[in-house]
């Protein structure tokens, strides 16, 4: 996998038999870590992996004797404070790079422990990303061919959302970076025109104490709409992207 400008990394996400490559999933999980967590050194990752192996060899009673804590190795993590992403995310991303060879995947967001409980980001089952040199529309259309996956399209942002679920899901969120979610159809000419009017109105400086006329306020309102999917997964502003892309499957 090759990660772009921020953290270049090249690994294989899957093996030739289609199964997840452990090292690839570990690298992907590190790249998809929370934005306030620094990348661990190779030594830290190796030490944590050794601790996991040692813990797994202990008798069940001995494993349960130690209470969970910061120093207790957890197989759901690849390093302290870095959750292991769902393996199926790696498999689906491998399909992406096979469909668009030579393109770097740029990860915007992965595991977000402070996301709401119902968010798949909270459970390390979702990733927001973009593909260098490929339009988000082309990427979205390909992702929508996946079974048991959720796809979120953000026409006014910089990424496409992909998550692991039991059925197919799709939604459109018309909000921009840092804005509240605005689910609805796209393209929507009325919404675009209303947004443009609102932008123009906000650029004007009203006289002190003056209020907008009722018809001006109405012109800036966005039409309400229900999400196309019953469980959209957009719950927090995204940090700046950390680019990423995958190599051919390992033998």
C-alpha atoms as a PDB file:
ATOM      1  CA  UNK A   1       0.000   0.000   0.000  1.00  0.00           C
ATOM      2  CA  UNK A   2       1.306   3.446  -0.824  1.00  0.00           C
ATOM      3  CA  UNK A   3       0.177   6.364   1.335  1.00  0.00           C
ATOM      4  CA  UNK A   4       0.599   9.768  -0.228  1.00  0.00           C
ATOM      5  CA  UNK A   5       2.387  12.898   0.928  1.00  0.00           C
ATOM      6  CA  UNK A   6       1.823  12.691   4.693  1.00  0.00           C
ATOM      7  CA  UNK A   7       2.722   9.079   5.461  1.00  0.00           C
ATOM      8  CA  UNK A   8       3.982   7.184   2.398  1.00  0.00           C
ATOM      9  CA  UNK A   9       3.524   3.456   2.943  1.00  0.00           C
ATOM     10  CA  UNK A  10       3.482   0.584   0.492  1.00  0.00           C
ATOM     11  CA  UNK A  11       1.996  -2.765   1.510  1.00  0.00           C
ATOM     12  CA  UNK A  12      -0.322  -5.452   0.162  1.00  0.00           C
ATOM     13  CA  UNK A  13      -3.842  -5.438   1.560  1.00  0.00           C
ATOM     14  CA  UNK A  14      -4.718  -8.983   0.509  1.00  0.00           C
ATOM     15  CA  UNK A  15      -3.001 -12.206  -0.434  1.00  0.00           C
ATOM     16  CA  UNK A  16      -3.384 -13.941  -3.785  1.00  0.00           C
ATOM     17  CA  UNK A  17      -6.125 -16.134  -2.312  1.00  0.00           C
ATOM     18  CA  UNK A  18      -8.178 -13.038  -1.510  1.00  0.00           C
ATOM     19  CA  UNK A  19      -7.674 -13.201   2.235  1.00  0.00           C
ATOM     20  CA  UNK A  20      -6.588 -10.172   4.217  1.00  0.00           C
ATOM     21  CA  UNK A  21      -2.855  -9.623   4.611  1.00  0.00           C
ATOM     22  CA  UNK A  22      -2.214  -9.065   8.326  1.00  0.00           C
ATOM     23  CA  UNK A  23       0.545  -6.513   7.756  1.00  0.00           C
ATOM     24  CA  UNK A  24      -1.580  -4.642   5.224  1.00  0.00           C
ATOM     25  CA  UNK A  25      -4.512  -4.402   7.599  1.00  0.00           C
ATOM     26  CA  UNK A  26      -2.204  -3.241  10.359  1.00  0.00           C
ATOM     27  CA  UNK A  27      -0.754  -0.505   8.124  1.00  0.00           C
ATOM     28  CA  UNK A  28      -4.234   0.552   7.008  1.00  0.00           C
ATOM     29  CA  UNK A  29      -5.391   0.742  10.627  1.00  0.00           C
ATOM     30  CA  UNK A  30      -2.447   2.944  11.558  1.00  0.00           C
ATOM     31  CA  UNK A  31      -3.188   5.298   8.671  1.00  0.00           C
ATOM     32  CA  UNK A  32      -6.860   5.387   9.696  1.00  0.00           C
ATOM     33  CA  UNK A  33      -6.119   6.179  13.344  1.00  0.00           C
ATOM     34  CA  UNK A  34      -7.696   9.165  15.180  1.00  0.00           C
ATOM     35  CA  UNK A  35      -6.243  12.495  14.111  1.00  0.00           C
ATOM     36  CA  UNK A  36      -4.916  13.252  17.600  1.00  0.00           C
ATOM     37  CA  UNK A  37      -2.872  10.035  17.807  1.00  0.00           C
ATOM     38  CA  UNK A  38       0.694  10.012  16.507  1.00  0.00           C
ATOM     39  CA  UNK A  39       1.945   7.225  14.275  1.00  0.00           C
ATOM     40  CA  UNK A  40       3.643   4.550  16.396  1.00  0.00           C
ATOM     41  CA  UNK A  41       7.200   3.498  15.679  1.00  0.00           C
ATOM     42  CA  UNK A  42       7.923   0.087  14.189  1.00  0.00           C
ATOM     43  CA  UNK A  43       9.356  -0.938  17.562  1.00  0.00           C
ATOM     44  CA  UNK A  44       6.136  -0.058  19.386  1.00  0.00           C
ATOM     45  CA  UNK A  45       4.013  -1.959  16.862  1.00  0.00           C
ATOM     46  CA  UNK A  46       6.302  -5.007  17.044  1.00  0.00           C
ATOM     47  CA  UNK A  47       6.286  -4.977  20.850  1.00  0.00           C
ATOM     48  CA  UNK A  48       2.501  -4.793  20.922  1.00  0.00           C
ATOM     49  CA  UNK A  49       2.253  -7.688  18.458  1.00  0.00           C
ATOM     50  CA  UNK A  50       4.575  -9.785  20.641  1.00  0.00           C
ATOM     51  CA  UNK A  51       2.451  -8.958  23.684  1.00  0.00           C
ATOM     52  CA  UNK A  52      -0.668 -10.111  21.814  1.00  0.00           C
ATOM     53  CA  UNK A  53       0.990 -13.409  20.905  1.00  0.00           C
ATOM     54  CA  UNK A  54       2.126 -13.945  24.506  1.00  0.00           C
ATOM     55  CA  UNK A  55      -1.328 -13.148  25.875  1.00  0.00           C
ATOM     56  CA  UNK A  56      -2.973 -15.536  23.422  1.00  0.00           C
ATOM     57  CA  UNK A  57      -0.776 -18.395  24.670  1.00  0.00           C
ATOM     58  CA  UNK A  58      -1.858 -17.976  28.273  1.00  0.00           C
ATOM     59  CA  UNK A  59      -4.554 -20.271  29.674  1.00  0.00           C
ATOM     60  CA  UNK A  60      -8.049 -18.710  29.530  1.00  0.00           C
ATOM     61  CA  UNK A  61      -8.180 -18.324  33.312  1.00  0.00           C
ATOM     62  CA  UNK A  62      -4.854 -16.476  33.356  1.00  0.00           C
ATOM     63  CA  UNK A  63      -5.948 -14.192  30.523  1.00  0.00           C
ATOM     64  CA  UNK A  64      -9.081 -13.211  32.399  1.00  0.00           C
ATOM     65  CA  UNK A  65      -7.210 -12.536  35.626  1.00  0.00           C
ATOM     66  CA  UNK A  66      -5.767  -9.221  34.438  1.00  0.00           C
ATOM     67  CA  UNK A  67      -8.214  -6.357  34.159  1.00  0.00           C
ATOM     68  CA  UNK A  68      -8.230  -4.442  30.842  1.00  0.00           C
ATOM     69  CA  UNK A  69      -6.052  -1.361  30.911  1.00  0.00           C
ATOM     70  CA  UNK A  70      -3.610   0.727  28.866  1.00  0.00           C
ATOM     71  CA  UNK A  71      -0.855  -1.872  29.313  1.00  0.00           C
ATOM     72  CA  UNK A  72      -3.086  -4.867  28.572  1.00  0.00           C
ATOM     73  CA  UNK A  73      -2.814  -5.982  24.924  1.00  0.00           C
ATOM     74  CA  UNK A  74      -6.150  -6.115  23.112  1.00  0.00           C
ATOM     75  CA  UNK A  75      -6.498  -8.039  19.819  1.00  0.00           C
ATOM     76  CA  UNK A  76      -8.913  -5.356  18.589  1.00  0.00           C
ATOM     77  CA  UNK A  77      -5.955  -2.950  18.516  1.00  0.00           C
ATOM     78  CA  UNK A  78      -2.735  -2.912  16.490  1.00  0.00           C
ATOM     79  CA  UNK A  79      -0.968  -0.562  18.926  1.00  0.00           C
ATOM     80  CA  UNK A  80      -1.957   1.504  21.955  1.00  0.00           C
ATOM     81  CA  UNK A  81      -4.865   3.835  21.045  1.00  0.00           C
ATOM     82  CA  UNK A  82      -5.067   2.479  17.477  1.00  0.00           C
ATOM     83  CA  UNK A  83      -8.020   0.229  16.727  1.00  0.00           C
ATOM     84  CA  UNK A  84      -7.759  -2.514  14.119  1.00  0.00           C
ATOM     85  CA  UNK A  85     -10.055  -1.675  11.183  1.00  0.00           C
ATOM     86  CA  UNK A  86     -12.565  -4.258   9.986  1.00  0.00           C
ATOM     87  CA  UNK A  87     -10.815  -6.715   7.611  1.00  0.00           C
ATOM     88  CA  UNK A  88     -13.487  -6.316   4.945  1.00  0.00           C
ATOM     89  CA  UNK A  89     -12.490  -2.671   4.501  1.00  0.00           C
ATOM     90  CA  UNK A  90      -9.068  -3.859   3.340  1.00  0.00           C
ATOM     91  CA  UNK A  91     -10.663  -6.331   0.942  1.00  0.00           C
ATOM     92  CA  UNK A  92     -12.910  -3.670  -0.569  1.00  0.00           C
ATOM     93  CA  UNK A  93     -10.038  -1.186  -0.894  1.00  0.00           C
ATOM     94  CA  UNK A  94      -8.014  -3.840  -2.687  1.00  0.00           C
ATOM     95  CA  UNK A  95     -10.849  -4.113  -5.206  1.00  0.00           C
ATOM     96  CA  UNK A  96     -10.697  -0.351  -5.644  1.00  0.00           C
ATOM     97  CA  UNK A  97      -6.988  -0.300  -6.522  1.00  0.00           C
ATOM     98  CA  UNK A  98      -7.452  -3.253  -8.864  1.00  0.00           C
ATOM     99  CA  UNK A  99     -10.205  -1.339 -10.646  1.00  0.00           C
ATOM    100  CA  UNK A 100      -8.114   1.875 -10.736  1.00  0.00           C
ATOM    101  CA  UNK A 101      -4.492   0.645 -10.892  1.00  0.00           C
ATOM    102  CA  UNK A 102      -1.694   3.018 -10.019  1.00  0.00           C
ATOM    103  CA  UNK A 103      -3.952   5.443  -8.154  1.00  0.00           C
ATOM    104  CA  UNK A 104      -3.144   6.447  -4.583  1.00  0.00           C
ATOM    105  CA  UNK A 105      -5.875   6.111  -1.979  1.00  0.00           C
ATOM    106  CA  UNK A 106      -6.020   9.171   0.251  1.00  0.00           C
ATOM    107  CA  UNK A 107      -7.511   8.373   3.646  1.00  0.00           C
ATOM    108  CA  UNK A 108      -9.445  11.198   5.256  1.00  0.00           C
ATOM    109  CA  UNK A 109     -10.874   9.397   8.276  1.00  0.00           C
ATOM    110  CA  UNK A 110     -11.043   5.896   9.720  1.00  0.00           C
ATOM    111  CA  UNK A 111     -11.617   4.926  13.329  1.00  0.00           C
ATOM    112  CA  UNK A 112     -13.173   7.760  15.342  1.00  0.00           C
ATOM    113  CA  UNK A 113     -13.639   6.708  18.987  1.00  0.00           C
ATOM    114  CA  UNK A 114     -15.467   9.936  19.844  1.00  0.00           C
ATOM    115  CA  UNK A 115     -18.046   9.477  17.100  1.00  0.00           C
ATOM    116  CA  UNK A 116     -21.586   8.665  18.150  1.00  0.00           C
ATOM    117  CA  UNK A 117     -22.196   5.089  19.277  1.00  0.00           C
ATOM    118  CA  UNK A 118     -24.319   4.271  16.218  1.00  0.00           C
ATOM    119  CA  UNK A 119     -21.590   5.391  13.809  1.00  0.00           C
ATOM    120  CA  UNK A 120     -19.618   2.711  12.042  1.00  0.00           C
ATOM    121  CA  UNK A 121     -16.574   4.956  12.387  1.00  0.00           C
ATOM    122  CA  UNK A 122     -16.947   4.477  16.148  1.00  0.00           C
ATOM    123  CA  UNK A 123     -16.634   0.720  15.681  1.00  0.00           C
ATOM    124  CA  UNK A 124     -13.754   0.828  13.136  1.00  0.00           C
ATOM    125  CA  UNK A 125     -16.070  -0.378  10.373  1.00  0.00           C
ATOM    126  CA  UNK A 126     -15.903   2.701   8.109  1.00  0.00           C
ATOM    127  CA  UNK A 127     -13.430   4.775   6.168  1.00  0.00           C
ATOM    128  CA  UNK A 128     -13.639   8.089   4.315  1.00  0.00           C
ATOM    129  CA  UNK A 129     -11.244   8.378   1.391  1.00  0.00           C
ATOM    130  CA  UNK A 130     -10.608   9.649  -2.112  1.00  0.00           C
ATOM    131  CA  UNK A 131      -8.638   8.316  -5.050  1.00  0.00           C
ATOM    132  CA  UNK A 132      -5.963  10.455  -6.701  1.00  0.00           C
ATOM    133  CA  UNK A 133      -6.823  11.235 -10.310  1.00  0.00           C
ATOM    134  CA  UNK A 134     -10.291   9.630 -10.094  1.00  0.00           C
ATOM    135  CA  UNK A 135     -13.476  11.646  -9.718  1.00  0.00           C
ATOM    136  CA  UNK A 136     -15.534  11.020  -6.610  1.00  0.00           C
ATOM    137  CA  UNK A 137     -18.470  10.257  -8.888  1.00  0.00           C
ATOM    138  CA  UNK A 138     -16.615   7.429 -10.650  1.00  0.00           C
ATOM    139  CA  UNK A 139     -15.390   6.120  -7.306  1.00  0.00           C
ATOM    140  CA  UNK A 140     -18.890   6.322  -5.824  1.00  0.00           C
ATOM    141  CA  UNK A 141     -20.407   4.410  -8.748  1.00  0.00           C
ATOM    142  CA  UNK A 142     -17.878   1.605  -8.409  1.00  0.00           C
ATOM    143  CA  UNK A 143     -18.333   1.348  -4.636  1.00  0.00           C
ATOM    144  CA  UNK A 144     -22.085   1.037  -5.100  1.00  0.00           C
ATOM    145  CA  UNK A 145     -21.515  -2.311  -6.840  1.00  0.00           C
ATOM    146  CA  UNK A 146     -20.231  -3.802  -3.555  1.00  0.00           C
ATOM    147  CA  UNK A 147     -22.492  -6.104  -1.565  1.00  0.00           C
ATOM    148  CA  UNK A 148     -22.949  -5.538   2.167  1.00  0.00           C
ATOM    149  CA  UNK A 149     -21.417  -2.072   2.052  1.00  0.00           C
ATOM    150  CA  UNK A 150     -22.594   1.441   2.823  1.00  0.00           C
ATOM    151  CA  UNK A 151     -21.611   4.264   0.473  1.00  0.00           C
ATOM    152  CA  UNK A 152     -21.970   7.956   1.275  1.00  0.00           C
ATOM    153  CA  UNK A 153     -21.517  10.586  -1.431  1.00  0.00           C
ATOM    154  CA  UNK A 154     -20.559  14.151  -0.434  1.00  0.00           C
ATOM    155  CA  UNK A 155     -20.706  16.356  -3.556  1.00  0.00           C
ATOM    156  CA  UNK A 156     -19.560  19.454  -1.667  1.00  0.00           C
ATOM    157  CA  UNK A 157     -16.723  17.802   0.226  1.00  0.00           C
ATOM    158  CA  UNK A 158     -13.562  15.908  -0.718  1.00  0.00           C
ATOM    159  CA  UNK A 159     -14.208  12.222   0.005  1.00  0.00           C
ATOM    160  CA  UNK A 160     -16.480   9.207  -0.385  1.00  0.00           C
ATOM    161  CA  UNK A 161     -17.587   7.163   2.621  1.00  0.00           C
ATOM    162  CA  UNK A 162     -17.374   3.355   2.663  1.00  0.00           C
ATOM    163  CA  UNK A 163     -18.472   1.093   5.499  1.00  0.00           C
ATOM    164  CA  UNK A 164     -19.057  -2.547   6.387  1.00  0.00           C
ATOM    165  CA  UNK A 165     -22.676  -3.600   6.952  1.00  0.00           C
ATOM    166  CA  UNK A 166     -25.036  -6.524   6.303  1.00  0.00           C
ATOM    167  CA  UNK A 167     -26.931  -4.927   3.401  1.00  0.00           C
ATOM    168  CA  UNK A 168     -26.281  -2.299   0.755  1.00  0.00           C
ATOM    169  CA  UNK A 169     -26.769   1.329   1.748  1.00  0.00           C
ATOM    170  CA  UNK A 170     -26.412   4.641  -0.059  1.00  0.00           C
ATOM    171  CA  UNK A 171     -27.031   8.292   0.781  1.00  0.00           C
ATOM    172  CA  UNK A 172     -26.094  11.789  -0.364  1.00  0.00           C
ATOM    173  CA  UNK A 173     -25.008  14.485   2.079  1.00  0.00           C
ATOM    174  CA  UNK A 174     -24.947  17.903   0.415  1.00  0.00           C
ATOM    175  CA  UNK A 175     -23.192  19.693   3.283  1.00  0.00           C
ATOM    176  CA  UNK A 176     -19.689  21.058   2.973  1.00  0.00           C
ATOM    177  CA  UNK A 177     -16.732  20.572   5.342  1.00  0.00           C
ATOM    178  CA  UNK A 178     -17.608  21.556   8.905  1.00  0.00           C
ATOM    179  CA  UNK A 179     -21.334  21.961   8.141  1.00  0.00           C
ATOM    180  CA  UNK A 180     -24.235  20.022   9.618  1.00  0.00           C
ATOM    181  CA  UNK A 181     -25.426  17.049   7.520  1.00  0.00           C
ATOM    182  CA  UNK A 182     -27.925  17.904   4.771  1.00  0.00           C
ATOM    183  CA  UNK A 183     -29.289  14.716   3.225  1.00  0.00           C
ATOM    184  CA  UNK A 184     -31.179  14.797  -0.049  1.00  0.00           C
ATOM    185  CA  UNK A 185     -30.998  14.246  -3.775  1.00  0.00           C
ATOM    186  CA  UNK A 186     -28.153  15.363  -5.997  1.00  0.00           C
ATOM    187  CA  UNK A 187     -27.963  17.183  -8.302  1.00  0.00           C
ATOM    188  CA  UNK A 188     -30.730  19.449  -7.028  1.00  0.00           C
ATOM    189  CA  UNK A 189     -30.959  22.674  -9.000  1.00  0.00           C
ATOM    190  CA  UNK A 190     -33.223  24.357  -6.466  1.00  0.00           C
ATOM    191  CA  UNK A 191     -30.834  23.554  -3.635  1.00  0.00           C
ATOM    192  CA  UNK A 192     -27.841  24.869  -5.594  1.00  0.00           C
ATOM    193  CA  UNK A 193     -29.651  28.109  -6.438  1.00  0.00           C
ATOM    194  CA  UNK A 194     -30.793  28.573  -2.835  1.00  0.00           C
ATOM    195  CA  UNK A 195     -27.250  28.031  -1.574  1.00  0.00           C
ATOM    196  CA  UNK A 196     -25.900  30.560  -4.053  1.00  0.00           C
ATOM    197  CA  UNK A 197     -28.468  33.128  -2.915  1.00  0.00           C
ATOM    198  CA  UNK A 198     -27.610  32.484   0.707  1.00  0.00           C
ATOM    199  CA  UNK A 199     -23.920  32.981  -0.034  1.00  0.00           C
ATOM    200  CA  UNK A 200     -24.635  36.267  -1.817  1.00  0.00           C
ATOM    201  CA  UNK A 201     -26.853  37.476   1.018  1.00  0.00           C
ATOM    202  CA  UNK A 202     -24.227  36.597   3.630  1.00  0.00           C
ATOM    203  CA  UNK A 203     -21.626  38.613   1.722  1.00  0.00           C
ATOM    204  CA  UNK A 204     -23.714  41.756   2.007  1.00  0.00           C
ATOM    205  CA  UNK A 205     -23.321  43.943   5.063  1.00  0.00           C
ATOM    206  CA  UNK A 206     -26.745  44.923   6.422  1.00  0.00           C
ATOM    207  CA  UNK A 207     -27.186  48.244   8.186  1.00  0.00           C
ATOM    208  CA  UNK A 208     -26.821  48.078  11.985  1.00  0.00           C
ATOM    209  CA  UNK A 209     -30.007  46.687  13.524  1.00  0.00           C
ATOM    210  CA  UNK A 210     -31.560  45.866  10.154  1.00  0.00           C
ATOM    211  CA  UNK A 211     -33.203  42.477   9.558  1.00  0.00           C
ATOM    212  CA  UNK A 212     -33.609  40.550   6.342  1.00  0.00           C
ATOM    213  CA  UNK A 213     -37.024  40.768   4.698  1.00  0.00           C
ATOM    214  CA  UNK A 214     -39.227  37.654   5.007  1.00  0.00           C
ATOM    215  CA  UNK A 215     -38.906  36.836   1.289  1.00  0.00           C
ATOM    216  CA  UNK A 216     -35.100  37.133   1.507  1.00  0.00           C
ATOM    217  CA  UNK A 217     -34.964  34.700   4.430  1.00  0.00           C
ATOM    218  CA  UNK A 218     -37.166  32.229   2.585  1.00  0.00           C
ATOM    219  CA  UNK A 219     -34.928  32.379  -0.483  1.00  0.00           C
ATOM    220  CA  UNK A 220     -31.940  31.213   1.545  1.00  0.00           C
ATOM    221  CA  UNK A 221     -33.590  28.172   3.143  1.00  0.00           C
ATOM    222  CA  UNK A 222     -32.475  24.753   1.970  1.00  0.00           C
ATOM    223  CA  UNK A 223     -35.175  22.224   1.059  1.00  0.00           C
ATOM    224  CA  UNK A 224     -35.543  19.506   3.657  1.00  0.00           C
ATOM    225  CA  UNK A 225     -35.052  15.885   2.657  1.00  0.00           C
ATOM    226  CA  UNK A 226     -34.693  12.492   4.279  1.00  0.00           C
ATOM    227  CA  UNK A 227     -31.486  10.508   3.801  1.00  0.00           C
ATOM    228  CA  UNK A 228     -31.621   7.869   1.082  1.00  0.00           C
ATOM    229  CA  UNK A 229     -30.203   5.353   3.554  1.00  0.00           C
ATOM    230  CA  UNK A 230     -31.656   4.667   6.977  1.00  0.00           C
ATOM    231  CA  UNK A 231     -28.251   4.809   8.639  1.00  0.00           C
ATOM    232  CA  UNK A 232     -26.022   7.487   7.131  1.00  0.00           C
ATOM    233  CA  UNK A 233     -22.677   7.682   8.819  1.00  0.00           C
ATOM    234  CA  UNK A 234     -21.594  11.322   8.846  1.00  0.00           C
ATOM    235  CA  UNK A 235     -21.159  12.580  12.370  1.00  0.00           C
ATOM    236  CA  UNK A 236     -18.073  14.777  12.658  1.00  0.00           C
ATOM    237  CA  UNK A 237     -15.914  17.202  10.699  1.00  0.00           C
ATOM    238  CA  UNK A 238     -13.056  15.470   8.892  1.00  0.00           C
ATOM    239  CA  UNK A 239      -9.377  16.283   9.350  1.00  0.00           C
ATOM    240  CA  UNK A 240      -7.189  17.027   6.360  1.00  0.00           C
ATOM    241  CA  UNK A 241      -6.632  13.854   4.320  1.00  0.00           C
ATOM    242  CA  UNK A 242      -3.697  11.514   4.702  1.00  0.00           C
ATOM    243  CA  UNK A 243      -3.201   9.999   1.217  1.00  0.00           C
ATOM    244  CA  UNK A 244      -2.976   6.193   0.715  1.00  0.00           C
ATOM    245  CA  UNK A 245      -3.012   3.417  -2.026  1.00  0.00           C
ATOM    246  CA  UNK A 246      -2.527  -0.355  -2.276  1.00  0.00           C
ATOM    247  CA  UNK A 247      -0.145  -2.630  -4.102  1.00  0.00           C
ATOM    248  CA  UNK A 248      -0.811  -5.939  -5.841  1.00  0.00           C
ATOM    249  CA  UNK A 249      -1.860  -8.862  -3.620  1.00  0.00           C
ATOM    250  CA  UNK A 250       1.010 -10.659  -1.905  1.00  0.00           C
ATOM    251  CA  UNK A 251       1.687 -14.307  -2.566  1.00  0.00           C
END
